[in-house]
Amino acid sequence: MYRNEPETLAVLGRIRTLAERVDADPACNLAEWRAEVSGRENRSEQVRDLSAPQARALFAAHGPRELTGLLTGVRDDAAARLLGRIHPVDASTALEPLPIATAGRILREMGDRRGGVLAAMPDARRGEVSALLRYTAESVGANMTPSILALPAAATASEAVDSLRGTGPGTESARYVHLVSGSDELVGVVGLRDVMLAAPDTPLRDLAPHTVVSVDAHHDQEVLVELFAENPFASIPVVDDGRLVGVVTTDRAAGIQAAETTEDFRRMSAAGGLTVSLRDAGVWALYRSRVVWLVVLVFGNIFSGAGIAHYEDVISSVVSLVFFLPLLIDSGGNAGSQSATLMVRALATGDVRMRDWGRLLGKELSVAILLGATMAAAVSVLGLVRGGGEVALVVSLSMVLIVIVGAVIGMSLPFLLTKFRLDPASASAPLITSICDGVGVLIYFFIASQILL
């Protein structure tokens, strides 16, 4: 083989990418590559760079265990891209050792190409994976694992132990025994510790708590973050029309929380179209994710220009007003962005609900008045220096009103979007800033026209 030749060893010593390793020797040491290339994102980028011939050579040269380590060491989309470059039968074989939940997520990323892979799977395996794929991508059901311990409620602790010994090693989530009725309806959950410590003939239903915490498979995955925050469980059962269909683990919920947080921050920066990591994204992907909002906001800022044009007489009479314009409108945008960020995060974590808007509005008004008054006191000194007492009065009053309006807009817009069943994170900082800029211009020059003319 190539790797036994000294010349190839010398070449391998200089190779860093997976594509270069495969070109030199398809049977290259994948464990060594994973150790050298740190970070899931970095490994995913190298896997996505493999050509179809390289992917086929890699799969032909390695066994299932090595391929399992490769597929689980990269992002699901990178694994899907790799499997899409090889024969469907080979892809099915590579997915066989993976947990059902992991195989389902990778196949979901394959899109239309997954049909051939599913067809090549054994009937039982295909049925389990297909059960996951029938749920929408961001639903609870798409993130569950159906590989769990489930027994009739009338079973005894001894029978549960025997079942654990027989099927437990191959079960993805084996921290609890789930009790079901004859129609597979979830009726209870018992921890393995309670089962092991109970008398052998104790019915499992006698060990189960009266209250069962579960989540519907069709709910949005975001509910899992709050659910696990309120319940210190290793996993939570998932039901569909009352029937037990799987569980979601804490590890998966943590992954969802990280992904949702990243998505929220991207939306708040008006880059919600970015679907890959910032490091992996190309120039064109970054451009497409940001250009739409920025172009829309360019036209939105025309209203600010129209407001300035409307008050040309005021500006020509007191030119010093222009000096304070950027300061005032930026203060309104900053106050609005602060409020929006706090509200978006509070809504995302469930800390506040729609019904809390009225109480929070009163609180935000009080805070905004204090902030505006403090900032007005600071800017009034500049007003006195640059334009005298009347200009100082205009600038001070404008600062208070602009900060109040900006804060109210910033905290209200996420609630409004939630009311219309839109993502509150769409209340991005650029959007809030543009709205506050236009309103700030109108407030500033209206007050100036009333006092100075």
Protein backbone atom coordinates (compact mmCIF):
# COMPACT_ATOMS: atom_id res chain seq x y z
CA MET A 1 0.00 0.00 0.00
CA TYR A 2 1.03 3.62 -0.51
CA ARG A 3 1.41 4.39 3.16
CA ASN A 4 4.18 1.79 3.47
CA GLU A 5 6.38 3.65 1.00
CA PRO A 6 8.88 6.13 2.49
CA GLU A 7 8.14 8.73 -0.16
CA THR A 8 4.46 8.70 0.67
CA LEU A 9 5.19 9.00 4.37
CA ALA A 10 7.20 12.10 3.66
CA VAL A 11 4.36 13.56 1.64
CA LEU A 12 1.82 12.71 4.34
CA GLY A 13 3.92 14.56 6.85
CA ARG A 14 3.26 17.77 4.94
CA ILE A 15 -0.44 17.14 4.21
CA ARG A 16 -3.02 18.88 6.34
CA THR A 17 -6.33 18.71 4.48
CA LEU A 18 -8.41 15.57 4.20
CA ALA A 19 -8.56 15.89 0.39
CA GLU A 20 -4.77 15.86 0.17
CA ARG A 21 -4.57 12.87 2.47
CA VAL A 22 -7.06 10.90 0.40
CA ASP A 23 -5.23 11.77 -2.82
CA ALA A 24 -1.99 10.43 -1.35
CA ASP A 25 -3.55 7.38 0.31
CA PRO A 26 -7.30 6.66 0.47
CA ALA A 27 -6.65 4.43 3.52
CA CYS A 28 -5.20 7.38 5.45
CA ASN A 29 -5.47 7.41 9.22
CA LEU A 30 -8.76 9.22 9.96
CA ALA A 31 -8.17 9.20 13.71
CA GLU A 32 -4.90 11.02 13.16
CA TRP A 33 -6.66 13.55 10.92
CA ARG A 34 -9.37 14.19 13.53
CA ALA A 35 -6.71 14.74 16.18
CA GLU A 36 -4.78 17.15 13.98
CA VAL A 37 -7.77 19.18 12.77
CA SER A 38 -9.40 20.61 15.86
CA GLY A 39 -12.98 21.83 15.89
CA ARG A 40 -16.11 20.43 14.27
CA GLU A 41 -16.38 23.43 11.93
CA ASN A 42 -12.83 22.99 10.61
CA ARG A 43 -13.33 19.29 9.99
CA SER A 44 -16.69 19.95 8.34
CA GLU A 45 -15.11 22.40 5.92
CA GLN A 46 -12.53 19.83 4.85
CA VAL A 47 -15.17 17.11 4.40
CA ARG A 48 -17.28 19.41 2.24
CA ASP A 49 -14.24 20.05 0.03
CA LEU A 50 -13.95 16.36 -0.94
CA SER A 51 -14.81 15.61 -4.56
CA ALA A 52 -17.03 12.68 -5.54
CA PRO A 53 -14.05 10.46 -6.56
CA GLN A 54 -12.27 11.30 -3.31
CA ALA A 55 -15.38 10.49 -1.28
CA ARG A 56 -15.82 7.15 -3.00
CA ALA A 57 -12.15 6.26 -2.52
CA LEU A 58 -12.37 7.18 1.16
CA PHE A 59 -15.41 5.00 1.77
CA ALA A 60 -13.95 2.10 -0.16
CA ALA A 61 -10.79 2.13 1.95
CA HIS A 62 -12.27 2.35 5.46
CA GLY A 63 -14.45 0.18 7.66
CA PRO A 64 -17.74 1.12 9.34
CA ARG A 65 -16.14 2.06 12.66
CA GLU A 66 -13.76 4.59 11.08
CA LEU A 67 -16.54 6.04 8.95
CA THR A 68 -18.79 6.36 11.97
CA GLY A 69 -16.14 8.47 13.68
CA LEU A 70 -15.85 10.62 10.58
CA LEU A 71 -19.60 11.22 10.19
CA THR A 72 -20.18 12.01 13.86
CA GLY A 73 -17.12 14.29 14.02
CA VAL A 74 -18.52 16.81 11.54
CA ARG A 75 -21.72 18.81 11.14
CA ASP A 76 -24.80 17.01 9.86
CA ASP A 77 -24.81 19.05 6.64
CA ALA A 78 -21.18 18.12 5.92
CA ALA A 79 -21.90 14.44 6.56
CA ALA A 80 -24.92 14.65 4.25
CA ARG A 81 -22.86 16.25 1.50
CA LEU A 82 -20.27 13.49 1.80
CA LEU A 83 -22.87 10.71 1.66
CA GLY A 84 -24.51 12.36 -1.32
CA ARG A 85 -21.29 11.88 -3.30
CA ILE A 86 -21.20 8.09 -2.95
CA HIS A 87 -23.48 5.25 -4.03
CA PRO A 88 -26.74 5.08 -2.03
CA VAL A 89 -26.01 1.51 -0.92
CA ASP A 90 -22.62 2.58 0.46
CA ALA A 91 -24.25 5.56 2.16
CA SER A 92 -26.82 3.25 3.77
CA THR A 93 -24.04 0.97 5.01
CA ALA A 94 -22.16 3.94 6.48
CA LEU A 95 -25.27 5.11 8.36
CA GLU A 96 -26.04 1.65 9.77
CA PRO A 97 -23.83 1.92 12.91
CA LEU A 98 -25.07 5.43 13.74
CA PRO A 99 -27.82 6.08 16.28
CA ILE A 100 -31.23 6.43 14.65
CA ALA A 101 -31.53 10.07 15.69
CA THR A 102 -28.16 10.96 14.16
CA ALA A 103 -28.90 9.05 10.95
CA GLY A 104 -32.25 10.84 10.69
CA ARG A 105 -30.67 14.29 11.03
CA ILE A 106 -28.05 13.52 8.38
CA LEU A 107 -30.65 12.14 5.96
CA ARG A 108 -32.83 15.21 6.50
CA GLU A 109 -29.90 17.36 5.37
CA MET A 110 -29.58 15.28 2.18
CA GLY A 111 -32.92 16.55 0.87
CA ASP A 112 -34.10 14.82 -2.31
CA ARG A 113 -31.02 12.61 -2.41
CA ARG A 114 -32.08 10.64 0.65
CA GLY A 115 -34.65 8.55 -1.24
CA GLY A 116 -32.08 6.13 -2.65
CA VAL A 117 -30.34 5.80 0.71
CA LEU A 118 -33.60 5.00 2.47
CA ALA A 119 -34.50 2.43 -0.16
CA ALA A 120 -31.19 0.64 0.46
CA MET A 121 -31.79 0.35 4.21
CA PRO A 122 -33.20 -2.77 5.89
CA ASP A 123 -36.96 -2.54 6.40
CA ALA A 124 -36.82 -2.12 10.19
CA ARG A 125 -34.14 0.55 10.07
CA ARG A 126 -35.91 2.38 7.24
CA GLY A 127 -39.14 2.46 9.20
CA GLU A 128 -37.46 3.93 12.30
CA VAL A 129 -35.67 6.64 10.35
CA SER A 130 -38.72 7.45 8.23
CA ALA A 131 -40.72 7.97 11.41
CA LEU A 132 -38.34 10.81 12.31
CA LEU A 133 -38.32 12.33 8.84
CA ARG A 134 -42.09 12.80 8.78
CA TYR A 135 -41.76 15.59 11.35
CA THR A 136 -40.82 19.09 10.23
CA ALA A 137 -37.18 20.09 10.55
CA GLU A 138 -37.56 22.39 13.57
CA SER A 139 -40.13 20.33 15.46
CA VAL A 140 -39.57 18.37 18.65
CA GLY A 141 -40.13 15.11 16.79
CA ALA A 142 -37.24 15.81 14.41
CA ASN A 143 -34.89 16.08 17.39
CA MET A 144 -35.97 13.01 19.36
CA THR A 145 -34.59 9.50 19.50
CA PRO A 146 -37.06 6.61 19.31
CA SER A 147 -34.55 4.19 20.84
CA ILE A 148 -35.79 4.04 24.46
CA LEU A 149 -36.88 1.64 27.19
CA ALA A 150 -40.66 1.22 27.21
CA LEU A 151 -42.66 -1.41 29.14
CA PRO A 152 -46.31 -1.98 30.06
CA ALA A 153 -47.32 -0.21 33.26
CA ALA A 154 -48.21 -3.59 34.82
CA ALA A 155 -44.65 -4.92 34.39
CA THR A 156 -42.58 -5.53 37.52
CA ALA A 157 -39.21 -4.18 38.54
CA SER A 158 -37.67 -7.59 37.87
CA GLU A 159 -39.01 -7.60 34.32
CA ALA A 160 -37.64 -4.10 33.80
CA VAL A 161 -34.17 -5.22 34.89
CA ASP A 162 -34.32 -8.19 32.54
CA SER A 163 -35.37 -5.90 29.69
CA LEU A 164 -32.53 -3.53 30.49
CA ARG A 165 -30.03 -6.37 30.36
CA GLY A 166 -31.40 -7.57 27.04
CA THR A 167 -31.94 -4.34 25.12
CA GLY A 168 -30.28 -1.67 27.23
CA PRO A 169 -26.80 -1.79 25.63
CA GLY A 170 -28.29 -0.92 22.24
CA THR A 171 -30.66 1.74 23.55
CA GLU A 172 -29.74 5.38 22.92
CA SER A 173 -31.57 6.72 25.99
CA ALA A 174 -31.62 4.29 28.91
CA ARG A 175 -31.91 6.54 31.97
CA TYR A 176 -35.62 5.94 32.44
CA VAL A 177 -38.21 3.23 31.94
CA HIS A 178 -41.28 4.60 30.16
CA LEU A 179 -44.61 3.04 31.04
CA VAL A 180 -47.22 2.64 28.33
CA SER A 181 -50.76 1.33 28.07
CA GLY A 182 -51.91 -1.27 25.60
CA SER A 183 -52.32 1.44 22.95
CA ASP A 184 -48.79 2.79 23.57
CA GLU A 185 -50.15 5.78 25.48
CA LEU A 186 -47.60 7.22 27.90
CA VAL A 187 -48.81 6.72 31.48
CA GLY A 188 -45.64 7.12 33.55
CA VAL A 189 -41.87 7.41 33.77
CA VAL A 190 -39.65 5.65 36.31
CA GLY A 191 -35.97 6.32 36.93
CA LEU A 192 -33.62 3.33 36.70
CA ARG A 193 -32.38 3.94 40.23
CA ASP A 194 -35.90 3.49 41.59
CA VAL A 195 -36.29 0.31 39.55
CA MET A 196 -33.01 -1.18 40.75
CA LEU A 197 -33.77 -0.45 44.42
CA ALA A 198 -37.37 -1.69 44.34
CA ALA A 199 -38.49 -5.19 45.35
CA PRO A 200 -38.45 -7.51 42.30
CA ASP A 201 -42.23 -8.03 42.26
CA THR A 202 -43.10 -4.31 42.60
CA PRO A 203 -45.33 -3.11 39.73
CA LEU A 204 -43.68 -0.26 37.83
CA ARG A 205 -46.83 1.84 38.00
CA ASP A 206 -46.40 1.96 41.79
CA LEU A 207 -42.96 3.54 41.33
CA ALA A 208 -43.99 6.20 38.82
CA PRO A 209 -44.75 9.77 39.95
CA HIS A 210 -48.33 10.93 39.55
CA THR A 211 -47.32 13.76 37.21
CA VAL A 212 -45.77 12.93 33.84
CA VAL A 213 -43.82 15.64 32.02
CA SER A 214 -43.92 15.19 28.25
CA VAL A 215 -43.84 17.27 25.08
CA ASP A 216 -45.79 17.00 21.85
CA ALA A 217 -43.77 15.88 18.84
CA HIS A 218 -45.27 18.60 16.61
CA HIS A 219 -44.34 21.52 18.87
CA ASP A 220 -41.53 23.86 17.87
CA GLN A 221 -38.13 22.78 19.14
CA GLU A 222 -37.72 26.05 21.05
CA VAL A 223 -40.09 24.79 23.77
CA LEU A 224 -37.47 22.22 24.77
CA VAL A 225 -35.08 24.84 26.11
CA GLU A 226 -37.62 26.15 28.61
CA LEU A 227 -38.87 22.64 29.42
CA PHE A 228 -35.44 21.37 30.39
CA ALA A 229 -34.75 24.57 32.32
CA GLU A 230 -37.83 23.91 34.46
CA ASN A 231 -37.34 20.14 34.82
CA PRO A 232 -33.96 18.64 35.85
CA PHE A 233 -34.36 15.48 33.76
CA ALA A 234 -31.82 13.67 31.60
CA SER A 235 -34.51 13.23 28.93
CA ILE A 236 -38.14 14.13 28.36
CA PRO A 237 -40.61 11.79 26.62
CA VAL A 238 -42.15 12.85 23.32
CA VAL A 239 -45.77 11.99 22.51
CA ASP A 240 -47.84 12.13 19.34
CA ASP A 241 -51.59 12.07 19.99
CA GLY A 242 -50.78 10.72 23.45
CA ARG A 243 -48.68 7.83 22.16
CA LEU A 244 -45.05 7.57 23.23
CA VAL A 245 -42.81 7.98 20.16
CA GLY A 246 -39.42 8.82 21.66
CA VAL A 247 -37.46 11.11 23.98
CA VAL A 248 -35.36 14.24 23.68
CA THR A 249 -32.14 14.26 25.71
CA THR A 250 -30.47 17.16 27.49
CA ASP A 251 -27.56 17.02 25.07
CA ARG A 252 -29.85 17.53 22.13
CA ALA A 253 -31.69 20.36 23.91
CA ALA A 254 -28.35 22.07 24.56
CA GLY A 255 -27.53 21.83 20.85
CA ILE A 256 -30.91 23.32 19.98
CA GLN A 257 -30.38 26.17 22.41
CA ALA A 258 -27.00 26.98 20.88
CA ALA A 259 -28.45 26.91 17.36
CA GLU A 260 -31.47 29.03 18.30
CA THR A 261 -29.28 31.59 20.08
CA THR A 262 -27.03 31.85 17.03
CA GLU A 263 -30.06 32.27 14.77
CA ASP A 264 -31.51 34.98 17.01
CA PHE A 265 -28.28 36.96 17.02
CA ARG A 266 -28.05 36.71 13.23
CA ARG A 267 -31.61 37.96 12.87
CA MET A 268 -30.93 40.81 15.27
CA SER A 269 -27.97 41.84 13.13
CA ALA A 270 -30.17 41.64 9.99
CA ALA A 271 -28.20 38.62 8.72
CA GLY A 272 -30.84 35.95 9.31
CA GLY A 273 -30.26 34.30 5.93
CA LEU A 274 -26.86 32.97 6.98
CA THR A 275 -27.21 29.21 7.54
CA VAL A 276 -23.57 28.19 8.04
CA SER A 277 -20.92 29.30 10.49
CA LEU A 278 -19.24 32.66 9.94
CA ARG A 279 -15.92 30.94 9.42
CA ASP A 280 -17.27 28.59 6.75
CA ALA A 281 -19.41 31.16 4.95
CA GLY A 282 -18.10 32.48 1.66
CA VAL A 283 -18.20 36.07 0.47
CA TRP A 284 -21.32 35.47 -1.64
CA ALA A 285 -23.19 33.81 1.25
CA LEU A 286 -22.33 36.69 3.59
CA TYR A 287 -23.39 39.20 0.94
CA ARG A 288 -26.75 37.51 0.33
CA SER A 289 -27.50 37.23 4.06
CA ARG A 290 -27.06 40.97 4.62
CA VAL A 291 -27.87 42.84 1.44
CA VAL A 292 -31.69 42.58 1.49
CA TRP A 293 -32.21 44.23 4.85
CA LEU A 294 -29.62 46.93 4.15
CA VAL A 295 -31.21 47.84 0.81
CA VAL A 296 -34.66 47.95 2.42
CA LEU A 297 -33.34 50.18 5.19
CA VAL A 298 -31.70 52.49 2.65
CA PHE A 299 -35.17 53.32 1.32
CA GLY A 300 -36.45 53.52 4.87
CA ASN A 301 -33.86 56.18 5.67
CA ILE A 302 -35.30 58.33 2.89
CA PHE A 303 -37.94 59.38 5.43
CA SER A 304 -35.19 60.83 7.60
CA GLY A 305 -33.97 62.86 4.62
CA ALA A 306 -37.52 63.99 3.87
CA GLY A 307 -37.90 65.17 7.46
CA ILE A 308 -34.71 67.19 7.25
CA ALA A 309 -35.80 68.72 3.92
CA HIS A 310 -39.16 69.69 5.44
CA TYR A 311 -37.44 71.75 8.12
CA GLU A 312 -34.90 73.52 5.88
CA ASP A 313 -36.05 76.92 7.12
CA VAL A 314 -35.33 76.00 10.73
CA ILE A 315 -31.89 74.64 9.84
CA SER A 316 -30.96 77.71 7.77
CA SER A 317 -32.03 79.98 10.64
CA VAL A 318 -30.07 78.15 13.35
CA VAL A 319 -27.22 76.29 11.67
CA SER A 320 -25.87 75.05 15.01
CA LEU A 321 -28.81 72.62 15.17
CA VAL A 322 -27.03 70.42 12.62
CA PHE A 323 -24.20 69.82 15.09
CA PHE A 324 -26.55 67.99 17.47
CA LEU A 325 -28.46 65.95 14.87
CA PRO A 326 -26.19 62.86 14.78
CA LEU A 327 -25.87 62.88 18.55
CA LEU A 328 -29.62 62.93 19.14
CA ILE A 329 -30.73 60.36 16.58
CA ASP A 330 -27.92 57.99 17.54
CA SER A 331 -29.04 58.21 21.17
CA GLY A 332 -32.56 57.20 20.18
CA GLY A 333 -31.28 54.29 18.10
CA ASN A 334 -29.01 53.12 20.91
CA ALA A 335 -31.82 53.24 23.46
CA GLY A 336 -34.12 51.34 21.09
CA SER A 337 -31.50 48.69 20.35
CA GLN A 338 -30.90 48.14 24.07
CA SER A 339 -34.59 47.68 24.77
CA ALA A 340 -35.12 45.41 21.75
CA THR A 341 -32.20 43.17 22.69
CA LEU A 342 -33.50 42.73 26.24
CA MET A 343 -37.04 41.99 25.07
CA VAL A 344 -36.03 39.56 22.32
CA ARG A 345 -33.95 37.54 24.74
CA ALA A 346 -36.65 37.61 27.42
CA LEU A 347 -39.28 36.40 24.94
CA ALA A 348 -36.96 33.68 23.62
CA THR A 349 -36.27 32.27 27.09
CA GLY A 350 -39.89 32.55 28.23
CA ASP A 351 -39.00 35.11 30.89
CA VAL A 352 -41.82 37.35 29.65
CA ARG A 353 -45.11 36.69 27.83
CA MET A 354 -47.41 38.77 25.65
CA ARG A 355 -49.56 39.56 28.68
CA ASP A 356 -46.58 41.27 30.34
CA TRP A 357 -46.40 44.05 27.74
CA GLY A 358 -48.46 46.60 29.70
CA ARG A 359 -46.47 46.17 32.91
CA LEU A 360 -43.16 46.23 31.07
CA LEU A 361 -44.21 49.32 29.11
CA GLY A 362 -44.71 51.28 32.34
CA LYS A 363 -41.35 50.11 33.65
CA GLU A 364 -39.60 50.93 30.36
CA LEU A 365 -41.14 54.41 30.31
CA SER A 366 -39.80 55.11 33.80
CA VAL A 367 -36.34 53.90 32.89
CA ALA A 368 -36.36 55.84 29.59
CA ILE A 369 -37.34 59.07 31.36
CA LEU A 370 -34.44 58.69 33.78
CA LEU A 371 -32.03 57.83 30.95
CA GLY A 372 -33.28 60.70 28.79
CA ALA A 373 -33.04 63.21 31.62
CA THR A 374 -29.49 62.13 32.44
CA MET A 375 -28.39 62.36 28.80
CA ALA A 376 -30.22 65.70 28.40
CA ALA A 377 -28.32 67.15 31.34
CA ALA A 378 -25.05 66.14 29.73
CA VAL A 379 -25.90 67.47 26.27
CA SER A 380 -27.38 70.75 27.58
CA VAL A 381 -23.88 71.95 28.40
CA LEU A 382 -22.89 71.51 24.76
CA GLY A 383 -26.09 73.30 23.75
CA LEU A 384 -25.18 76.32 25.84
CA VAL A 385 -21.70 76.45 24.40
CA ARG A 386 -22.70 75.98 20.76
CA GLY A 387 -25.98 77.88 20.52
CA GLY A 388 -27.05 79.52 23.75
CA GLY A 389 -29.95 78.94 26.11
CA GLU A 390 -32.69 78.35 23.54
CA VAL A 391 -30.67 75.78 21.60
CA ALA A 392 -29.77 74.07 24.88
CA LEU A 393 -33.48 73.86 25.73
CA VAL A 394 -34.33 72.41 22.30
CA VAL A 395 -31.57 69.83 22.50
CA SER A 396 -32.46 68.82 26.06
CA LEU A 397 -36.17 68.39 25.39
CA SER A 398 -35.44 66.53 22.17
CA MET A 399 -33.04 64.18 23.93
CA VAL A 400 -35.61 63.23 26.56
CA LEU A 401 -38.40 62.60 24.03
CA ILE A 402 -36.18 60.80 21.50
CA VAL A 403 -34.80 58.40 24.12
CA ILE A 404 -38.30 57.71 25.45
CA VAL A 405 -39.73 57.05 21.98
CA GLY A 406 -36.72 54.93 20.99
CA ALA A 407 -36.96 52.79 24.10
CA VAL A 408 -40.72 52.28 23.67
CA ILE A 409 -40.32 51.32 20.01
CA GLY A 410 -37.48 48.97 20.86
CA MET A 411 -39.37 47.10 23.57
CA SER A 412 -42.72 47.07 21.72
CA LEU A 413 -41.64 45.86 18.29
CA PRO A 414 -40.64 42.34 19.47
CA PHE A 415 -44.04 42.01 21.16
CA LEU A 416 -45.78 43.18 17.98
CA LEU A 417 -43.91 40.63 15.87
CA THR A 418 -44.77 37.90 18.37
CA LYS A 419 -48.42 38.92 18.20
CA PHE A 420 -48.39 38.27 14.44
CA ARG A 421 -46.57 34.96 14.96
CA LEU A 422 -43.29 36.25 13.56
CA ASP A 423 -39.84 35.76 15.04
CA PRO A 424 -39.25 38.61 17.56
CA ALA A 425 -35.55 38.46 16.69
CA SER A 426 -36.50 40.05 13.36
CA ALA A 427 -36.63 43.29 15.36
CA SER A 428 -33.01 43.72 14.36
CA ALA A 429 -30.71 46.47 15.52
CA PRO A 430 -30.52 48.03 12.00
CA LEU A 431 -34.34 48.05 11.76
CA ILE A 432 -34.78 49.64 15.19
CA THR A 433 -32.06 52.19 14.47
CA SER A 434 -33.61 53.20 11.14
CA ILE A 435 -37.07 53.66 12.67
CA CYS A 436 -35.69 55.65 15.59
CA ASP A 437 -33.60 57.81 13.24
CA GLY A 438 -36.65 58.90 11.25
CA VAL A 439 -38.75 59.56 14.34
CA GLY A 440 -35.86 61.36 16.05
CA VAL A 441 -35.39 63.77 13.15
CA LEU A 442 -39.07 64.71 13.21
CA ILE A 443 -39.12 65.20 17.01
CA TYR A 444 -35.95 67.29 17.02
CA PHE A 445 -36.88 69.72 14.27
CA PHE A 446 -40.51 70.00 15.36
CA ILE A 447 -39.42 71.13 18.83
CA ALA A 448 -36.85 73.46 17.27
CA SER A 449 -39.46 75.02 14.98
CA GLN A 450 -41.82 75.67 17.91
CA ILE A 451 -39.19 77.28 20.15
CA LEU A 452 -36.77 79.00 17.78
CA LEU A 453 -39.06 80.38 15.07
